[in-house]
Structures are given as structure tokens and as C-alpha cells.
N, C-alpha and C. Protein backbone atom coordinates (compact mmCIF):
# COMPACT_ATOMS: atom_id res chain seq x y z
N UNK A 1 39.53 -20.53 33.15
CA UNK A 1 38.94 -19.70 32.14
C UNK A 1 37.85 -18.84 32.77
N UNK A 2 37.86 -17.58 32.50
CA UNK A 2 36.87 -16.69 33.09
C UNK A 2 35.66 -16.55 32.17
N UNK A 3 34.54 -16.27 32.78
CA UNK A 3 33.29 -16.10 32.05
C UNK A 3 33.26 -14.71 31.43
N UNK A 4 32.89 -14.64 30.16
CA UNK A 4 32.70 -13.37 29.48
C UNK A 4 31.25 -13.29 29.03
N UNK A 5 30.60 -12.21 29.37
CA UNK A 5 29.20 -12.08 29.00
C UNK A 5 29.06 -11.83 27.50
N UNK A 6 27.94 -12.27 26.91
CA UNK A 6 27.71 -12.05 25.48
C UNK A 6 27.79 -10.55 25.15
N UNK A 7 28.35 -10.24 24.01
CA UNK A 7 28.49 -8.85 23.59
C UNK A 7 29.88 -8.31 23.83
N UNK A 8 30.72 -9.04 24.53
CA UNK A 8 32.10 -8.62 24.73
C UNK A 8 32.94 -9.10 23.55
N UNK A 9 34.21 -8.76 23.55
CA UNK A 9 35.07 -9.17 22.44
C UNK A 9 35.26 -10.69 22.38
N UNK A 10 35.08 -11.38 23.50
CA UNK A 10 35.17 -12.84 23.49
C UNK A 10 33.96 -13.47 22.82
N UNK A 11 32.80 -12.83 22.95
CA UNK A 11 31.56 -13.31 22.36
C UNK A 11 30.89 -12.17 21.62
N UNK A 12 31.38 -11.78 20.46
CA UNK A 12 30.74 -10.67 19.77
C UNK A 12 29.35 -11.08 19.27
N UNK A 13 28.42 -10.15 19.29
CA UNK A 13 27.07 -10.40 18.81
C UNK A 13 27.00 -10.17 17.30
N UNK A 14 26.14 -10.92 16.66
CA UNK A 14 25.90 -10.75 15.23
C UNK A 14 24.77 -9.73 15.10
N UNK A 15 25.09 -8.52 14.67
CA UNK A 15 24.10 -7.46 14.55
C UNK A 15 23.63 -7.26 13.12
N UNK A 16 22.70 -6.35 12.91
CA UNK A 16 22.13 -6.13 11.57
C UNK A 16 23.12 -5.55 10.57
N UNK A 17 24.27 -5.06 11.00
CA UNK A 17 25.28 -4.55 10.08
C UNK A 17 26.43 -5.54 9.87
N UNK A 18 26.26 -6.77 10.31
CA UNK A 18 27.26 -7.81 10.12
C UNK A 18 27.09 -8.37 8.71
N UNK A 19 27.89 -7.88 7.77
CA UNK A 19 27.73 -8.16 6.35
C UNK A 19 27.74 -9.66 6.02
N UNK A 20 28.67 -10.46 6.56
CA UNK A 20 28.67 -11.88 6.17
C UNK A 20 27.35 -12.60 6.43
N UNK A 21 26.61 -12.17 7.43
CA UNK A 21 25.33 -12.81 7.73
C UNK A 21 24.32 -12.60 6.60
N UNK A 22 24.49 -11.54 5.83
CA UNK A 22 23.57 -11.24 4.73
C UNK A 22 24.13 -11.68 3.38
N UNK A 23 25.33 -12.27 3.38
CA UNK A 23 25.91 -12.79 2.15
C UNK A 23 25.69 -14.29 1.99
N UNK A 24 25.39 -14.96 3.07
CA UNK A 24 25.19 -16.40 3.02
C UNK A 24 23.69 -16.70 2.93
N UNK A 25 23.38 -17.94 2.61
CA UNK A 25 21.97 -18.35 2.56
C UNK A 25 21.35 -18.22 3.94
N UNK A 26 20.07 -17.89 3.95
CA UNK A 26 19.36 -17.72 5.21
C UNK A 26 18.48 -18.92 5.49
N UNK A 27 17.94 -18.98 6.70
CA UNK A 27 17.01 -20.03 7.07
C UNK A 27 15.62 -19.68 6.55
N UNK A 28 14.88 -20.66 6.05
CA UNK A 28 13.54 -20.36 5.52
C UNK A 28 12.50 -20.19 6.62
N UNK A 29 11.59 -19.28 6.38
CA UNK A 29 10.41 -19.06 7.24
C UNK A 29 9.25 -18.83 6.30
N UNK A 30 8.18 -19.58 6.44
CA UNK A 30 7.05 -19.45 5.51
C UNK A 30 5.73 -19.63 6.25
N UNK A 31 4.72 -18.96 5.73
CA UNK A 31 3.37 -19.11 6.26
C UNK A 31 2.38 -18.73 5.16
N UNK A 32 1.20 -19.28 5.26
CA UNK A 32 0.08 -18.89 4.41
C UNK A 32 -1.10 -18.63 5.32
N UNK A 33 -1.85 -17.61 5.01
CA UNK A 33 -2.96 -17.23 5.87
C UNK A 33 -3.98 -16.46 5.05
N UNK A 34 -4.95 -15.91 5.73
CA UNK A 34 -5.92 -15.03 5.09
C UNK A 34 -6.23 -13.89 6.03
N UNK A 35 -6.59 -12.77 5.44
CA UNK A 35 -6.93 -11.59 6.22
C UNK A 35 -8.30 -11.09 5.76
N UNK A 36 -9.15 -10.77 6.72
CA UNK A 36 -10.49 -10.28 6.38
C UNK A 36 -10.42 -8.80 6.03
N UNK A 37 -11.40 -8.29 5.30
CA UNK A 37 -11.38 -6.88 4.92
C UNK A 37 -11.26 -5.95 6.13
N UNK A 38 -10.31 -5.04 6.07
CA UNK A 38 -10.10 -4.06 7.14
C UNK A 38 -9.29 -4.56 8.31
N UNK A 39 -9.02 -5.85 8.39
CA UNK A 39 -8.25 -6.43 9.49
C UNK A 39 -6.76 -6.30 9.21
N UNK A 40 -5.98 -6.14 10.30
CA UNK A 40 -4.52 -6.08 10.18
C UNK A 40 -3.91 -7.25 10.95
N UNK A 41 -2.96 -7.92 10.32
CA UNK A 41 -2.22 -8.99 10.98
C UNK A 41 -0.77 -8.60 11.07
N UNK A 42 -0.16 -8.82 12.22
CA UNK A 42 1.26 -8.53 12.43
C UNK A 42 2.04 -9.83 12.52
N UNK A 43 3.14 -9.91 11.78
CA UNK A 43 4.03 -11.06 11.83
C UNK A 43 5.35 -10.60 12.39
N UNK A 44 5.75 -11.17 13.52
CA UNK A 44 7.03 -10.83 14.15
C UNK A 44 7.99 -11.99 13.92
N UNK A 45 9.15 -11.66 13.39
CA UNK A 45 10.16 -12.66 13.10
C UNK A 45 11.09 -12.82 14.32
N UNK A 46 11.51 -14.03 14.59
CA UNK A 46 12.35 -14.29 15.76
C UNK A 46 13.79 -13.83 15.53
N UNK A 47 14.17 -13.57 14.30
CA UNK A 47 15.47 -13.01 13.93
C UNK A 47 15.24 -12.01 12.80
N UNK A 48 16.24 -11.22 12.49
CA UNK A 48 16.14 -10.23 11.41
C UNK A 48 16.11 -10.96 10.07
N UNK A 49 15.28 -10.48 9.14
CA UNK A 49 15.18 -11.12 7.83
C UNK A 49 16.27 -10.63 6.88
N UNK A 50 16.56 -11.46 5.91
CA UNK A 50 17.48 -11.10 4.83
C UNK A 50 16.68 -10.68 3.60
N UNK A 51 15.54 -11.32 3.40
CA UNK A 51 14.64 -11.00 2.29
C UNK A 51 13.23 -11.39 2.68
N UNK A 52 12.26 -10.85 1.96
CA UNK A 52 10.87 -11.26 2.13
C UNK A 52 10.19 -11.35 0.77
N UNK A 53 9.22 -12.23 0.69
CA UNK A 53 8.33 -12.32 -0.46
C UNK A 53 6.92 -12.45 0.09
N UNK A 54 6.04 -11.56 -0.34
CA UNK A 54 4.63 -11.61 0.05
C UNK A 54 3.82 -11.80 -1.23
N UNK A 55 3.01 -12.85 -1.28
CA UNK A 55 2.21 -13.17 -2.45
C UNK A 55 0.74 -12.98 -2.11
N UNK A 56 0.05 -12.19 -2.93
CA UNK A 56 -1.40 -12.05 -2.82
C UNK A 56 -1.99 -13.20 -3.63
N UNK A 57 -2.47 -14.22 -2.94
CA UNK A 57 -2.95 -15.43 -3.60
C UNK A 57 -4.39 -15.32 -4.07
N UNK A 58 -5.02 -14.15 -3.89
CA UNK A 58 -6.39 -13.96 -4.36
C UNK A 58 -6.40 -13.97 -5.88
N UNK A 59 -7.20 -14.84 -6.46
CA UNK A 59 -7.32 -14.89 -7.91
C UNK A 59 -8.78 -14.70 -8.29
N UNK A 60 -8.99 -14.01 -9.37
CA UNK A 60 -10.35 -13.80 -9.84
C UNK A 60 -11.14 -12.83 -8.98
N UNK A 61 -10.46 -12.02 -8.18
CA UNK A 61 -11.16 -11.03 -7.37
C UNK A 61 -10.36 -9.73 -7.40
N UNK A 62 -10.91 -8.73 -6.76
CA UNK A 62 -10.24 -7.43 -6.71
C UNK A 62 -9.65 -7.16 -5.32
N UNK A 63 -9.39 -8.23 -4.56
CA UNK A 63 -8.87 -8.07 -3.21
C UNK A 63 -7.40 -7.68 -3.22
N UNK A 64 -7.12 -6.45 -2.81
CA UNK A 64 -5.77 -5.92 -2.76
C UNK A 64 -5.23 -6.07 -1.35
N UNK A 65 -3.94 -6.38 -1.20
CA UNK A 65 -3.29 -6.45 0.11
C UNK A 65 -2.49 -5.19 0.35
N UNK A 66 -2.51 -4.72 1.58
CA UNK A 66 -1.65 -3.62 2.00
C UNK A 66 -0.55 -4.22 2.87
N UNK A 67 0.71 -3.93 2.54
CA UNK A 67 1.85 -4.44 3.30
C UNK A 67 2.63 -3.26 3.84
N UNK A 68 2.86 -3.25 5.14
CA UNK A 68 3.61 -2.18 5.78
C UNK A 68 4.63 -2.73 6.76
N UNK A 69 5.49 -1.86 7.23
CA UNK A 69 6.57 -2.27 8.11
C UNK A 69 6.30 -1.89 9.56
N UNK A 70 5.24 -1.10 9.80
CA UNK A 70 4.79 -0.77 11.15
C UNK A 70 3.27 -0.80 11.15
N UNK A 71 2.67 -0.90 12.34
CA UNK A 71 1.21 -0.88 12.44
C UNK A 71 0.67 0.47 11.99
N UNK A 72 1.32 1.55 12.40
CA UNK A 72 0.88 2.88 11.98
C UNK A 72 1.02 3.05 10.47
N UNK A 73 2.08 2.51 9.89
CA UNK A 73 2.30 2.66 8.46
C UNK A 73 1.22 2.01 7.63
N UNK A 74 0.84 0.78 7.97
CA UNK A 74 -0.17 0.08 7.18
C UNK A 74 -1.56 0.67 7.41
N UNK A 75 -1.78 1.35 8.53
CA UNK A 75 -3.07 1.99 8.80
C UNK A 75 -3.11 3.44 8.33
N UNK A 76 -1.97 3.98 7.93
CA UNK A 76 -1.91 5.37 7.48
C UNK A 76 -1.67 5.37 5.97
N UNK A 77 -0.60 5.97 5.53
CA UNK A 77 -0.32 6.07 4.10
C UNK A 77 1.05 5.50 3.73
N UNK A 78 1.65 4.71 4.60
CA UNK A 78 2.99 4.18 4.37
C UNK A 78 2.94 2.67 4.19
N UNK A 79 2.41 2.25 3.07
CA UNK A 79 2.27 0.82 2.77
C UNK A 79 2.47 0.59 1.28
N UNK A 80 2.58 -0.68 0.93
CA UNK A 80 2.72 -1.11 -0.46
C UNK A 80 1.47 -1.90 -0.81
N UNK A 81 0.89 -1.62 -1.96
CA UNK A 81 -0.29 -2.36 -2.43
C UNK A 81 0.16 -3.53 -3.30
N UNK A 82 -0.40 -4.69 -3.03
CA UNK A 82 -0.13 -5.87 -3.86
C UNK A 82 -1.45 -6.32 -4.48
N UNK A 83 -1.58 -6.15 -5.80
CA UNK A 83 -2.81 -6.57 -6.48
C UNK A 83 -2.97 -8.10 -6.46
N UNK A 84 -4.18 -8.62 -6.72
CA UNK A 84 -4.41 -10.07 -6.75
C UNK A 84 -3.49 -10.76 -7.75
N UNK A 85 -2.91 -11.88 -7.33
CA UNK A 85 -2.04 -12.66 -8.18
C UNK A 85 -0.63 -12.11 -8.32
N UNK A 86 -0.32 -11.00 -7.67
CA UNK A 86 1.01 -10.38 -7.75
C UNK A 86 1.77 -10.63 -6.45
N UNK A 87 3.04 -10.23 -6.44
CA UNK A 87 3.87 -10.42 -5.25
C UNK A 87 4.84 -9.27 -5.04
N UNK A 88 5.26 -9.12 -3.80
CA UNK A 88 6.33 -8.20 -3.41
C UNK A 88 7.50 -9.07 -3.01
N UNK A 89 8.65 -8.85 -3.61
CA UNK A 89 9.84 -9.62 -3.28
C UNK A 89 11.02 -8.67 -3.25
N UNK A 90 11.69 -8.58 -2.09
CA UNK A 90 12.80 -7.65 -1.95
C UNK A 90 13.71 -8.07 -0.80
N UNK A 91 14.95 -7.59 -0.86
CA UNK A 91 15.89 -7.83 0.23
C UNK A 91 15.68 -6.75 1.28
N UNK A 92 15.08 -7.12 2.38
CA UNK A 92 14.75 -6.18 3.45
C UNK A 92 15.13 -6.76 4.80
N UNK A 93 15.77 -5.94 5.63
CA UNK A 93 16.08 -6.32 7.01
C UNK A 93 14.88 -5.90 7.86
N UNK A 94 14.09 -6.86 8.26
CA UNK A 94 12.89 -6.57 9.03
C UNK A 94 12.82 -7.43 10.28
N UNK A 95 12.11 -6.93 11.28
CA UNK A 95 11.80 -7.73 12.45
C UNK A 95 10.30 -8.01 12.53
N UNK A 96 9.51 -7.25 11.77
CA UNK A 96 8.08 -7.47 11.72
C UNK A 96 7.51 -6.99 10.40
N UNK A 97 6.34 -7.53 10.07
CA UNK A 97 5.65 -7.20 8.83
C UNK A 97 4.17 -7.13 9.14
N UNK A 98 3.48 -6.15 8.57
CA UNK A 98 2.06 -5.95 8.82
C UNK A 98 1.29 -6.09 7.51
N UNK A 99 0.24 -6.90 7.54
CA UNK A 99 -0.60 -7.17 6.38
C UNK A 99 -2.01 -6.69 6.71
N UNK A 100 -2.60 -5.92 5.80
CA UNK A 100 -3.97 -5.43 6.02
C UNK A 100 -4.82 -5.74 4.81
N UNK A 101 -6.00 -6.26 5.08
CA UNK A 101 -6.96 -6.52 4.01
C UNK A 101 -7.63 -5.23 3.59
N UNK A 102 -7.83 -5.08 2.31
CA UNK A 102 -8.49 -3.89 1.77
C UNK A 102 -9.92 -3.83 2.30
N UNK A 103 -10.31 -2.66 2.82
CA UNK A 103 -11.64 -2.50 3.41
C UNK A 103 -12.75 -2.72 2.38
N UNK A 104 -12.47 -2.50 1.11
CA UNK A 104 -13.48 -2.69 0.06
C UNK A 104 -13.47 -4.09 -0.54
N UNK A 105 -12.70 -5.00 0.04
CA UNK A 105 -12.58 -6.36 -0.50
C UNK A 105 -13.86 -7.15 -0.26
N UNK A 106 -14.06 -8.12 -1.13
CA UNK A 106 -15.20 -9.03 -0.99
C UNK A 106 -14.66 -10.33 -0.39
N UNK A 107 -14.90 -10.54 0.90
CA UNK A 107 -14.43 -11.75 1.56
C UNK A 107 -12.95 -11.66 1.92
N UNK A 108 -12.45 -12.70 2.58
CA UNK A 108 -11.04 -12.70 3.01
C UNK A 108 -10.09 -12.82 1.82
N UNK A 109 -8.87 -12.35 2.03
CA UNK A 109 -7.82 -12.41 1.01
C UNK A 109 -6.75 -13.39 1.45
N UNK A 110 -6.46 -14.37 0.61
CA UNK A 110 -5.42 -15.35 0.88
C UNK A 110 -4.06 -14.75 0.54
N UNK A 111 -3.05 -15.05 1.36
CA UNK A 111 -1.70 -14.58 1.06
C UNK A 111 -0.68 -15.54 1.65
N UNK A 112 0.54 -15.45 1.14
CA UNK A 112 1.65 -16.25 1.63
C UNK A 112 2.86 -15.34 1.86
N UNK A 113 3.66 -15.69 2.86
CA UNK A 113 4.88 -14.95 3.15
C UNK A 113 6.04 -15.95 3.18
N UNK A 114 7.12 -15.60 2.50
CA UNK A 114 8.37 -16.33 2.59
C UNK A 114 9.43 -15.34 3.03
N UNK A 115 10.19 -15.69 4.05
CA UNK A 115 11.25 -14.82 4.54
C UNK A 115 12.51 -15.63 4.75
N UNK A 116 13.64 -15.00 4.54
CA UNK A 116 14.93 -15.60 4.84
C UNK A 116 15.40 -15.05 6.18
N UNK A 117 15.63 -15.92 7.14
CA UNK A 117 15.97 -15.52 8.50
C UNK A 117 17.49 -15.60 8.70
N UNK A 118 18.07 -14.53 9.24
CA UNK A 118 19.50 -14.48 9.54
C UNK A 118 19.74 -14.88 11.00
N UNK A 119 20.97 -14.81 11.43
CA UNK A 119 21.30 -15.06 12.82
C UNK A 119 21.32 -13.80 13.66
N UNK A 120 20.88 -12.68 13.10
CA UNK A 120 20.93 -11.38 13.80
C UNK A 120 19.80 -11.27 14.81
N UNK A 121 20.15 -10.87 16.02
CA UNK A 121 19.21 -10.69 17.11
C UNK A 121 18.35 -9.44 16.85
N UNK A 122 17.03 -9.56 16.85
CA UNK A 122 16.18 -8.40 16.58
C UNK A 122 16.29 -7.30 17.64
N UNK A 123 16.79 -7.63 18.83
CA UNK A 123 16.95 -6.60 19.87
C UNK A 123 18.03 -5.59 19.50
N UNK A 124 18.92 -5.95 18.55
CA UNK A 124 19.97 -5.03 18.10
C UNK A 124 19.53 -4.21 16.89
N UNK A 125 18.34 -4.46 16.40
CA UNK A 125 17.83 -3.78 15.22
C UNK A 125 17.08 -2.52 15.65
N UNK A 126 17.21 -1.43 14.92
CA UNK A 126 16.51 -0.20 15.33
C UNK A 126 15.00 -0.34 15.19
N UNK A 127 14.28 0.34 16.05
CA UNK A 127 12.82 0.36 15.97
C UNK A 127 12.42 1.30 14.85
N UNK A 128 11.68 0.77 13.87
CA UNK A 128 11.25 1.60 12.76
C UNK A 128 10.03 2.41 13.16
N UNK A 129 10.22 3.70 13.29
CA UNK A 129 9.12 4.61 13.60
C UNK A 129 9.46 5.99 13.10
N UNK A 130 8.46 6.70 12.67
CA UNK A 130 8.68 8.06 12.17
C UNK A 130 9.12 9.01 13.27
N UNK A 131 8.82 8.68 14.52
CA UNK A 131 9.17 9.60 15.61
C UNK A 131 10.67 9.64 15.91
N UNK A 132 11.43 8.68 15.39
CA UNK A 132 12.89 8.72 15.58
C UNK A 132 13.62 8.98 14.27
N UNK A 133 12.90 9.44 13.25
CA UNK A 133 13.54 9.86 12.02
C UNK A 133 13.42 8.94 10.83
N UNK A 134 12.78 7.78 10.97
CA UNK A 134 12.58 6.91 9.82
C UNK A 134 11.35 7.39 9.06
N UNK A 135 11.58 8.09 7.96
CA UNK A 135 10.45 8.62 7.19
C UNK A 135 9.86 7.54 6.29
N UNK A 136 8.57 7.59 6.10
CA UNK A 136 7.91 6.68 5.18
C UNK A 136 7.59 5.31 5.73
N UNK A 137 7.70 5.11 7.03
CA UNK A 137 7.35 3.81 7.60
C UNK A 137 6.15 3.88 8.53
N UNK A 138 5.82 5.04 9.03
CA UNK A 138 4.64 5.16 9.87
C UNK A 138 4.88 5.70 11.21
């Protein structure tokens, strides 16, 4: 038997356009953390996500979370605002997520992330950047 390198027809790679990978249940990935006002945290996933849920766990305060898909996006104008006690939940193929604390917040903002991880290698996923034509990401 001869050796075939990964990516050949003998060993096809599971890429981000492999539909069955996004039709089955994914592996869970979860974390809870806090972000200080004006600080940005980047979360890099070891595989492409099938879905994400970000919960702003701040209650009784006006601490808003900014969620973006690139560092430039969350620091510019390409982000989603999540008010205290609310959440963002959507089916998104991502390799990274950026969370920024509102500069006008009082103290750190607690948040949680839940993601469904697929078997897709993030090296096969396109780099999200405005310089290669992805508008609205940063």
C-alpha cells in the first residue's frame, strides 16, 4: 500500500464547504470570562465553528459588549453590540471571535461564549479581512 498525503483523493480534507459537517451535531466549546472597559480579548477556535452564542452576563449595569469577527472590526465600526442580560446566537462559520468591553463601562463586564466546533480545519477557511473583499468585518 502506498502512502497518500492528506488532501488527496485517498484522504480528502473536511473543509468549510463540506455540508454534512454542518448538518450533524457539533462538539461543545464553552468559556466564561470578563473584559475590562476598553480591553479587547481574542478567542481563536481550534476548528471552524458551526454556531456561536455570546451572553453578556452583566446585570444591573449599563456595560455593553462589542463582538466582532476581526480585531480591526471590533476596534472600528464593524461589530455587534450586546446589551446587559442579552445574547447573540447565530449559525456562523468562524475561526476567531473578538470581544471588547465598552470604554464607558463601569468595571469589568462578565460574558460567556458557547460554540459548536466542527471537524473543519481552520487553515482551509478564508481569512476575514476587508482588504480581500469581505465587507463589514474590518
